[in-house]
Amino acid sequence: GPMYRGLILKAPGLAFYFVSYLFVVCIALMNLVTAVMVETSMRQANEDREAAKAWHAAKTKRAVPKLRRMFRALDADGSGEITVDELCSAPSDVVEGLKSITGQEDIAELFRLLDYDDSGSLTIDEFCDGVLKAQDGKGFEVIRLMRQCSKILGT
């Protein structure tokens, strides 16, 4: 404005000062706007993470009773454990439901992956935990890798 022009005409070195001042103020304002946007994004990401945890917990809570019913249908002898023979000779609707939940087509391989401790049988907890891990997107490749690492480390 006119105030700057008069000062610059009397002391031309002040032009550098005013231009520098304008640049610094513009950069400071841009940084302030960027900080507000980043802070808002981080808050939204935390809310999304919390919502995802709540959704996962609700999904697990809904899935566990269904998996327990499926386990009881697979446990032909009522021992509280299922073997590979019981799994392979299970009713086709139960087997198809298990295949659709896990995405695993080979039932014997599915049993081997779920039998994490190599006991030859699955307890209801082993069964539910393994199927839920597969359903969560961890997939059986990760479970297989964890199992191989456990064997290598001897644990």
Protein backbone atom coordinates (compact mmCIF):
# COMPACT_ATOMS: atom_id res chain seq x y z
CA GLY A 1 0.00 0.00 0.00
CA PRO A 2 0.84 3.68 0.09
CA MET A 3 2.50 3.42 3.49
CA TYR A 4 5.05 0.90 2.18
CA ARG A 5 5.72 2.90 -1.00
CA GLY A 6 6.74 5.99 0.95
CA LEU A 7 9.07 4.02 3.19
CA ILE A 8 10.61 2.15 0.26
CA LEU A 9 11.22 5.40 -1.64
CA LYS A 10 13.08 6.86 1.35
CA ALA A 11 14.98 3.61 2.18
CA PRO A 12 15.06 1.14 -0.77
CA GLY A 13 16.55 -1.58 1.48
CA LEU A 14 13.17 -1.88 3.21
CA ALA A 15 11.72 -3.47 0.04
CA PHE A 16 13.70 -6.61 0.86
CA TYR A 17 12.34 -6.53 4.42
CA PHE A 18 8.69 -6.20 3.32
CA VAL A 19 8.95 -8.90 0.64
CA SER A 20 10.66 -11.24 3.14
CA TYR A 21 7.96 -10.48 5.70
CA LEU A 22 5.19 -11.32 3.22
CA PHE A 23 6.86 -14.63 2.28
CA VAL A 24 7.34 -15.64 5.91
CA VAL A 25 3.72 -14.78 6.80
CA CYS A 26 2.40 -16.72 3.78
CA ILE A 27 4.49 -19.79 4.61
CA ALA A 28 3.46 -19.63 8.28
CA LEU A 29 -0.22 -19.48 7.31
CA MET A 30 0.17 -22.41 4.89
CA ASN A 31 1.87 -24.44 7.63
CA LEU A 32 -0.92 -23.60 10.03
CA VAL A 33 -3.59 -24.73 7.57
CA THR A 34 -1.61 -27.90 6.84
CA ALA A 35 -1.27 -28.65 10.57
CA VAL A 36 -5.02 -28.30 11.08
CA MET A 37 -5.72 -30.62 8.13
CA VAL A 38 -3.22 -33.25 9.34
CA GLU A 39 -4.57 -33.12 12.89
CA THR A 40 -8.12 -33.58 11.61
CA SER A 41 -7.03 -36.51 9.44
CA MET A 42 -5.24 -38.17 12.35
CA ARG A 43 -8.29 -37.81 14.57
CA GLN A 44 -10.49 -39.32 11.84
CA ALA A 45 -8.04 -42.20 11.37
CA ASN A 46 -8.17 -42.97 15.12
CA GLU A 47 -11.96 -42.93 15.04
CA ASP A 48 -11.90 -45.26 12.01
CA ARG A 49 -9.53 -47.62 13.82
CA GLU A 50 -11.78 -47.68 16.89
CA ALA A 51 -14.83 -48.29 14.71
CA ALA A 52 -13.02 -51.14 12.95
CA LYS A 53 -12.14 -52.71 16.30
CA ALA A 54 -15.75 -52.45 17.45
CA TRP A 55 -16.99 -53.94 14.17
CA HIS A 56 -14.47 -56.79 14.44
CA ALA A 57 -15.49 -57.50 18.04
CA ALA A 58 -19.16 -57.58 17.07
CA LYS A 59 -18.42 -59.82 14.09
CA THR A 60 -16.44 -62.21 16.28
CA LYS A 61 -19.20 -62.23 18.89
CA ARG A 62 -21.72 -63.18 16.20
CA ALA A 63 -19.44 -65.81 14.63
CA VAL A 64 -18.45 -67.73 17.78
CA PRO A 65 -21.88 -69.27 18.51
CA LYS A 66 -22.17 -70.35 14.87
CA LEU A 67 -18.69 -71.89 15.00
CA ARG A 68 -19.52 -73.68 18.26
CA ARG A 69 -22.68 -75.16 16.65
CA MET A 70 -20.60 -76.18 13.66
CA PHE A 71 -18.04 -77.81 15.97
CA ARG A 72 -20.76 -79.79 17.75
CA ALA A 73 -22.08 -80.96 14.38
CA LEU A 74 -18.57 -82.06 13.40
CA ASP A 75 -17.93 -83.84 16.72
CA ALA A 76 -19.65 -87.11 15.80
CA ASP A 77 -18.61 -89.06 18.92
CA GLY A 78 -19.31 -86.21 21.36
CA SER A 79 -15.80 -86.32 22.83
CA GLY A 80 -15.33 -82.55 22.75
CA GLU A 81 -12.62 -82.94 20.13
CA ILE A 82 -12.77 -83.52 16.40
CA THR A 83 -10.38 -85.64 14.39
CA VAL A 84 -9.55 -85.52 10.72
CA ASP A 85 -11.82 -88.55 10.17
CA GLU A 86 -14.77 -86.79 11.80
CA LEU A 87 -14.09 -83.69 9.72
CA CYS A 88 -13.89 -85.64 6.47
CA SER A 89 -17.04 -87.65 7.23
CA ALA A 90 -19.07 -84.63 8.37
CA PRO A 91 -22.39 -83.73 6.71
CA SER A 92 -21.87 -81.96 3.41
CA ASP A 93 -23.74 -78.80 4.46
CA VAL A 94 -21.42 -78.36 7.46
CA VAL A 95 -18.33 -79.01 5.34
CA GLU A 96 -19.52 -76.55 2.68
CA GLY A 97 -20.20 -73.93 5.35
CA LEU A 98 -16.71 -74.45 6.74
CA LYS A 99 -15.19 -74.18 3.27
CA SER A 100 -17.03 -70.94 2.60
CA ILE A 101 -15.98 -69.41 5.92
CA THR A 102 -12.31 -70.36 5.63
CA GLY A 103 -11.85 -70.24 1.87
CA GLN A 104 -9.99 -73.56 2.11
CA GLU A 105 -11.15 -76.30 -0.26
CA ASP A 106 -9.10 -79.24 1.05
CA ILE A 107 -10.66 -80.37 4.34
CA ALA A 108 -7.71 -82.55 5.38
CA GLU A 109 -5.34 -79.62 4.82
CA LEU A 110 -7.73 -77.39 6.75
CA PHE A 111 -7.59 -79.79 9.70
CA ARG A 112 -3.79 -79.91 9.56
CA LEU A 113 -3.62 -76.10 9.62
CA LEU A 114 -6.10 -75.79 12.48
CA ASP A 115 -4.35 -78.49 14.54
CA TYR A 116 -1.63 -76.11 15.65
CA ASP A 117 -0.21 -78.40 18.35
CA ASP A 118 -0.15 -81.54 16.12
CA SER A 119 -2.22 -83.48 18.63
CA GLY A 120 -4.31 -85.16 15.93
CA SER A 121 -7.50 -83.60 17.28
CA LEU A 122 -9.02 -80.15 17.58
CA THR A 123 -10.59 -78.75 20.70
CA ILE A 124 -13.41 -76.29 20.36
CA ASP A 125 -11.03 -73.42 21.20
CA GLU A 126 -8.46 -74.47 18.60
CA PHE A 127 -11.22 -74.78 16.04
CA CYS A 128 -12.84 -71.41 16.77
CA ASP A 129 -9.53 -69.52 17.06
CA GLY A 130 -8.18 -70.97 13.82
CA VAL A 131 -11.33 -70.32 11.83
CA LEU A 132 -11.61 -66.78 13.19
CA LYS A 133 -7.99 -66.06 12.23
CA ALA A 134 -8.68 -67.30 8.72
CA GLN A 135 -11.85 -65.24 8.58
CA ASP A 136 -10.03 -62.09 9.77
CA GLY A 137 -7.97 -62.02 6.63
CA LYS A 138 -4.83 -63.47 8.17
CA GLY A 139 -5.41 -66.42 5.95
CA PHE A 140 -3.86 -69.79 6.17
CA GLU A 141 -0.63 -68.74 4.54
CA VAL A 142 0.25 -66.69 7.61
CA ILE A 143 -0.93 -69.48 9.93
CA ARG A 144 1.17 -71.96 7.94
CA LEU A 145 4.20 -69.66 8.18
CA MET A 146 3.73 -69.21 11.94
CA ARG A 147 3.47 -72.97 12.36
CA GLN A 148 6.64 -73.59 10.37
CA CYS A 149 8.52 -70.98 12.41
CA SER A 150 7.32 -72.61 15.63
CA LYS A 151 8.59 -76.00 14.43
CA ILE A 152 11.95 -74.51 13.48
CA LEU A 153 12.32 -72.75 16.82
CA GLY A 154 11.14 -75.83 18.67
CA THR A 155 8.31 -74.13 20.55
